[in-house]
Amino acid sequence: MQKKLEEGLKPTRLEITDDSHRHAGHAGHNVDGESHFSIVVVSDAFTGKSRVDRHRMVNALLADELAGRVHAMALTTLTPAEEKR
């Protein structure tokens, strides 16, 4: 995921946290982890884009992961200017 997001969005900040352990017993949980993630992406690529469009950009880059093991992602998508506020 990290490589795809770095190549696709050229972020100034990227944080990917595996939150799978917090979802034990919930739908899509995998005992081996890597099913639920929190992702923070700060990128100029988001400038002028709505929140929905930004999420679509991330989802498109991670389509293979979402079709497989990844069940859910909590996304925070910001421009560098928004991060400074």
N, C-alpha and C. Protein backbone atom coordinates (compact mmCIF):
# COMPACT_ATOMS: atom_id res chain seq x y z
N MET A 1 0.83 -1.19 0.00
CA MET A 1 0.00 0.00 0.00
C MET A 1 0.87 1.25 0.00
N GLN A 2 1.90 1.24 0.83
CA GLN A 2 2.74 2.42 0.93
C GLN A 2 3.36 2.79 -0.41
N LYS A 3 3.92 1.82 -1.10
CA LYS A 3 4.55 2.08 -2.38
C LYS A 3 3.55 2.64 -3.40
N LYS A 4 2.37 2.06 -3.46
CA LYS A 4 1.35 2.52 -4.41
C LYS A 4 0.93 3.96 -4.11
N LEU A 5 0.73 4.27 -2.84
CA LEU A 5 0.33 5.62 -2.48
C LEU A 5 1.45 6.62 -2.72
N GLU A 6 2.68 6.23 -2.41
CA GLU A 6 3.81 7.12 -2.65
C GLU A 6 3.99 7.40 -4.14
N GLU A 7 3.90 6.37 -4.96
CA GLU A 7 4.07 6.55 -6.40
C GLU A 7 2.90 7.31 -7.03
N GLY A 8 1.68 7.03 -6.56
CA GLY A 8 0.50 7.63 -7.17
C GLY A 8 0.18 9.04 -6.72
N LEU A 9 0.57 9.37 -5.48
CA LEU A 9 0.17 10.67 -4.93
C LEU A 9 1.34 11.57 -4.53
N LYS A 10 2.55 11.05 -4.50
CA LYS A 10 3.73 11.83 -4.10
C LYS A 10 3.46 12.61 -2.81
N PRO A 11 3.07 11.92 -1.75
CA PRO A 11 2.68 12.63 -0.53
C PRO A 11 3.85 13.29 0.19
N THR A 12 3.54 14.37 0.89
CA THR A 12 4.52 14.99 1.78
C THR A 12 4.45 14.34 3.16
N ARG A 13 3.36 13.66 3.41
CA ARG A 13 3.18 12.88 4.65
C ARG A 13 2.30 11.69 4.34
N LEU A 14 2.71 10.53 4.85
CA LEU A 14 1.92 9.31 4.67
C LEU A 14 2.06 8.47 5.92
N GLU A 15 0.93 8.18 6.54
CA GLU A 15 0.90 7.31 7.72
C GLU A 15 -0.13 6.21 7.48
N ILE A 16 0.32 4.97 7.62
CA ILE A 16 -0.57 3.82 7.45
C ILE A 16 -0.51 3.03 8.75
N THR A 17 -1.66 2.90 9.39
CA THR A 17 -1.75 2.20 10.67
C THR A 17 -2.67 1.00 10.53
N ASP A 18 -2.18 -0.17 10.90
CA ASP A 18 -3.00 -1.38 10.89
C ASP A 18 -3.83 -1.40 12.17
N ASP A 19 -5.12 -1.19 12.04
CA ASP A 19 -6.04 -1.17 13.18
C ASP A 19 -6.81 -2.47 13.33
N SER A 20 -6.38 -3.51 12.66
CA SER A 20 -7.13 -4.77 12.64
C SER A 20 -7.41 -5.32 14.03
N HIS A 21 -6.46 -5.17 14.93
CA HIS A 21 -6.64 -5.70 16.29
C HIS A 21 -7.82 -5.06 17.02
N ARG A 22 -8.20 -3.86 16.61
CA ARG A 22 -9.31 -3.16 17.24
C ARG A 22 -10.67 -3.63 16.71
N HIS A 23 -10.66 -4.51 15.72
CA HIS A 23 -11.90 -4.94 15.08
C HIS A 23 -12.17 -6.43 15.24
N ALA A 24 -11.55 -7.03 16.21
CA ALA A 24 -11.78 -8.46 16.46
C ALA A 24 -13.27 -8.71 16.68
N GLY A 25 -13.80 -9.69 15.97
CA GLY A 25 -15.21 -10.02 16.08
C GLY A 25 -16.11 -9.25 15.15
N HIS A 26 -15.56 -8.25 14.46
CA HIS A 26 -16.36 -7.46 13.51
C HIS A 26 -16.25 -8.04 12.11
N ALA A 27 -17.14 -7.63 11.25
CA ALA A 27 -17.13 -8.09 9.86
C ALA A 27 -15.80 -7.78 9.19
N GLY A 28 -15.30 -8.73 8.45
CA GLY A 28 -14.08 -8.54 7.68
C GLY A 28 -12.80 -8.68 8.46
N HIS A 29 -12.88 -8.92 9.76
CA HIS A 29 -11.68 -9.04 10.57
C HIS A 29 -10.90 -10.28 10.17
N ASN A 30 -9.59 -10.12 10.11
CA ASN A 30 -8.69 -11.24 9.81
C ASN A 30 -7.77 -11.41 11.00
N VAL A 31 -7.71 -12.61 11.56
CA VAL A 31 -6.89 -12.84 12.75
C VAL A 31 -5.41 -12.58 12.48
N ASP A 32 -5.00 -12.63 11.23
CA ASP A 32 -3.60 -12.36 10.87
C ASP A 32 -3.34 -10.87 10.66
N GLY A 33 -4.34 -10.03 10.84
CA GLY A 33 -4.17 -8.59 10.68
C GLY A 33 -4.37 -8.17 9.24
N GLU A 34 -4.03 -6.92 8.99
CA GLU A 34 -4.10 -6.31 7.66
C GLU A 34 -5.49 -6.37 7.03
N SER A 35 -6.51 -6.10 7.83
CA SER A 35 -7.87 -6.04 7.29
C SER A 35 -8.50 -4.66 7.48
N HIS A 36 -8.07 -3.92 8.50
CA HIS A 36 -8.62 -2.60 8.80
C HIS A 36 -7.45 -1.62 8.98
N PHE A 37 -7.52 -0.47 8.30
CA PHE A 37 -6.43 0.49 8.33
C PHE A 37 -6.92 1.91 8.54
N SER A 38 -6.08 2.72 9.17
CA SER A 38 -6.25 4.17 9.19
C SER A 38 -5.11 4.72 8.34
N ILE A 39 -5.44 5.60 7.41
CA ILE A 39 -4.44 6.13 6.50
C ILE A 39 -4.56 7.65 6.47
N VAL A 40 -3.43 8.32 6.66
CA VAL A 40 -3.34 9.77 6.54
C VAL A 40 -2.44 10.06 5.33
N VAL A 41 -2.98 10.81 4.37
CA VAL A 41 -2.21 11.19 3.19
C VAL A 41 -2.30 12.70 3.02
N VAL A 42 -1.14 13.34 2.93
CA VAL A 42 -1.07 14.76 2.63
C VAL A 42 -0.37 14.89 1.29
N SER A 43 -1.07 15.48 0.31
CA SER A 43 -0.53 15.53 -1.04
C SER A 43 -1.07 16.72 -1.82
N ASP A 44 -0.21 17.31 -2.64
CA ASP A 44 -0.65 18.36 -3.56
C ASP A 44 -1.65 17.83 -4.58
N ALA A 45 -1.64 16.52 -4.80
CA ALA A 45 -2.55 15.91 -5.77
C ALA A 45 -4.02 16.12 -5.39
N PHE A 46 -4.28 16.44 -4.13
CA PHE A 46 -5.64 16.64 -3.65
C PHE A 46 -6.15 18.09 -3.83
N THR A 47 -5.28 18.98 -4.26
CA THR A 47 -5.66 20.38 -4.41
C THR A 47 -6.81 20.51 -5.41
N GLY A 48 -7.86 21.20 -4.97
CA GLY A 48 -9.03 21.43 -5.81
C GLY A 48 -9.99 20.25 -5.90
N LYS A 49 -9.71 19.19 -5.16
CA LYS A 49 -10.56 17.99 -5.19
C LYS A 49 -11.45 17.94 -3.95
N SER A 50 -12.65 17.42 -4.12
CA SER A 50 -13.55 17.24 -2.99
C SER A 50 -13.06 16.06 -2.15
N ARG A 51 -13.59 15.92 -0.96
CA ARG A 51 -13.23 14.80 -0.10
C ARG A 51 -13.58 13.47 -0.77
N VAL A 52 -14.73 13.42 -1.43
CA VAL A 52 -15.13 12.20 -2.13
C VAL A 52 -14.15 11.87 -3.24
N ASP A 53 -13.75 12.87 -4.02
CA ASP A 53 -12.79 12.63 -5.10
C ASP A 53 -11.43 12.17 -4.56
N ARG A 54 -11.03 12.74 -3.45
CA ARG A 54 -9.76 12.33 -2.83
C ARG A 54 -9.82 10.87 -2.40
N HIS A 55 -10.92 10.48 -1.79
CA HIS A 55 -11.07 9.09 -1.35
C HIS A 55 -11.12 8.15 -2.55
N ARG A 56 -11.76 8.59 -3.61
CA ARG A 56 -11.80 7.78 -4.83
C ARG A 56 -10.40 7.59 -5.40
N MET A 57 -9.56 8.62 -5.32
CA MET A 57 -8.18 8.51 -5.80
C MET A 57 -7.42 7.45 -5.01
N VAL A 58 -7.55 7.48 -3.69
CA VAL A 58 -6.88 6.50 -2.85
C VAL A 58 -7.44 5.10 -3.13
N ASN A 59 -8.76 4.99 -3.18
CA ASN A 59 -9.39 3.69 -3.44
C ASN A 59 -8.95 3.11 -4.78
N ALA A 60 -8.81 3.94 -5.80
CA ALA A 60 -8.37 3.46 -7.11
C ALA A 60 -6.95 2.91 -7.04
N LEU A 61 -6.09 3.60 -6.31
CA LEU A 61 -4.70 3.13 -6.18
C LEU A 61 -4.62 1.81 -5.41
N LEU A 62 -5.55 1.61 -4.48
CA LEU A 62 -5.52 0.42 -3.63
C LEU A 62 -6.62 -0.58 -4.00
N ALA A 63 -7.08 -0.55 -5.23
CA ALA A 63 -8.19 -1.41 -5.67
C ALA A 63 -7.89 -2.89 -5.45
N ASP A 64 -6.67 -3.33 -5.74
CA ASP A 64 -6.32 -4.74 -5.55
C ASP A 64 -6.42 -5.15 -4.08
N GLU A 65 -5.93 -4.29 -3.21
CA GLU A 65 -5.99 -4.59 -1.77
C GLU A 65 -7.43 -4.62 -1.27
N LEU A 66 -8.24 -3.69 -1.75
CA LEU A 66 -9.64 -3.64 -1.33
C LEU A 66 -10.44 -4.82 -1.86
N ALA A 67 -10.02 -5.37 -2.97
CA ALA A 67 -10.70 -6.53 -3.54
C ALA A 67 -10.29 -7.81 -2.81
N GLY A 68 -9.26 -7.73 -2.01
CA GLY A 68 -8.76 -8.91 -1.31
C GLY A 68 -8.87 -8.79 0.20
N ARG A 69 -7.75 -8.68 0.83
CA ARG A 69 -7.64 -8.78 2.28
C ARG A 69 -8.15 -7.55 3.05
N VAL A 70 -8.03 -6.37 2.46
CA VAL A 70 -8.41 -5.14 3.17
C VAL A 70 -9.92 -4.98 3.17
N HIS A 71 -10.48 -4.90 4.36
CA HIS A 71 -11.93 -4.78 4.52
C HIS A 71 -12.36 -3.32 4.67
N ALA A 72 -11.55 -2.51 5.36
CA ALA A 72 -11.96 -1.13 5.64
C ALA A 72 -10.75 -0.23 5.81
N MET A 73 -10.94 1.04 5.38
CA MET A 73 -9.91 2.06 5.56
C MET A 73 -10.57 3.33 6.06
N ALA A 74 -10.00 3.90 7.09
CA ALA A 74 -10.41 5.23 7.55
C ALA A 74 -9.41 6.20 6.95
N LEU A 75 -9.87 7.08 6.06
CA LEU A 75 -8.97 7.95 5.33
C LEU A 75 -9.04 9.39 5.81
N THR A 76 -7.86 9.99 5.95
CA THR A 76 -7.72 11.42 6.14
C THR A 76 -6.88 11.89 4.97
N THR A 77 -7.46 12.73 4.12
CA THR A 77 -6.80 13.19 2.90
C THR A 77 -6.75 14.71 2.91
N LEU A 78 -5.55 15.25 2.96
CA LEU A 78 -5.36 16.70 3.07
C LEU A 78 -4.35 17.21 2.05
N THR A 79 -4.47 18.49 1.72
CA THR A 79 -3.42 19.16 0.96
C THR A 79 -2.40 19.66 1.98
N PRO A 80 -1.17 19.99 1.55
CA PRO A 80 -0.20 20.54 2.51
C PRO A 80 -0.71 21.81 3.18
N ALA A 81 -1.43 22.66 2.45
CA ALA A 81 -1.97 23.89 3.04
C ALA A 81 -3.00 23.56 4.13
N GLU A 82 -3.85 22.56 3.88
CA GLU A 82 -4.85 22.17 4.88
C GLU A 82 -4.19 21.60 6.13
N GLU A 83 -3.11 20.88 5.96
CA GLU A 83 -2.41 20.30 7.10
C GLU A 83 -1.83 21.38 8.01
N LYS A 84 -1.42 22.49 7.44
CA LYS A 84 -0.81 23.58 8.22
C LYS A 84 -1.81 24.33 9.08
N ARG A 85 -3.09 24.25 8.73
CA ARG A 85 -4.12 25.00 9.47
C ARG A 85 -4.33 24.46 10.86
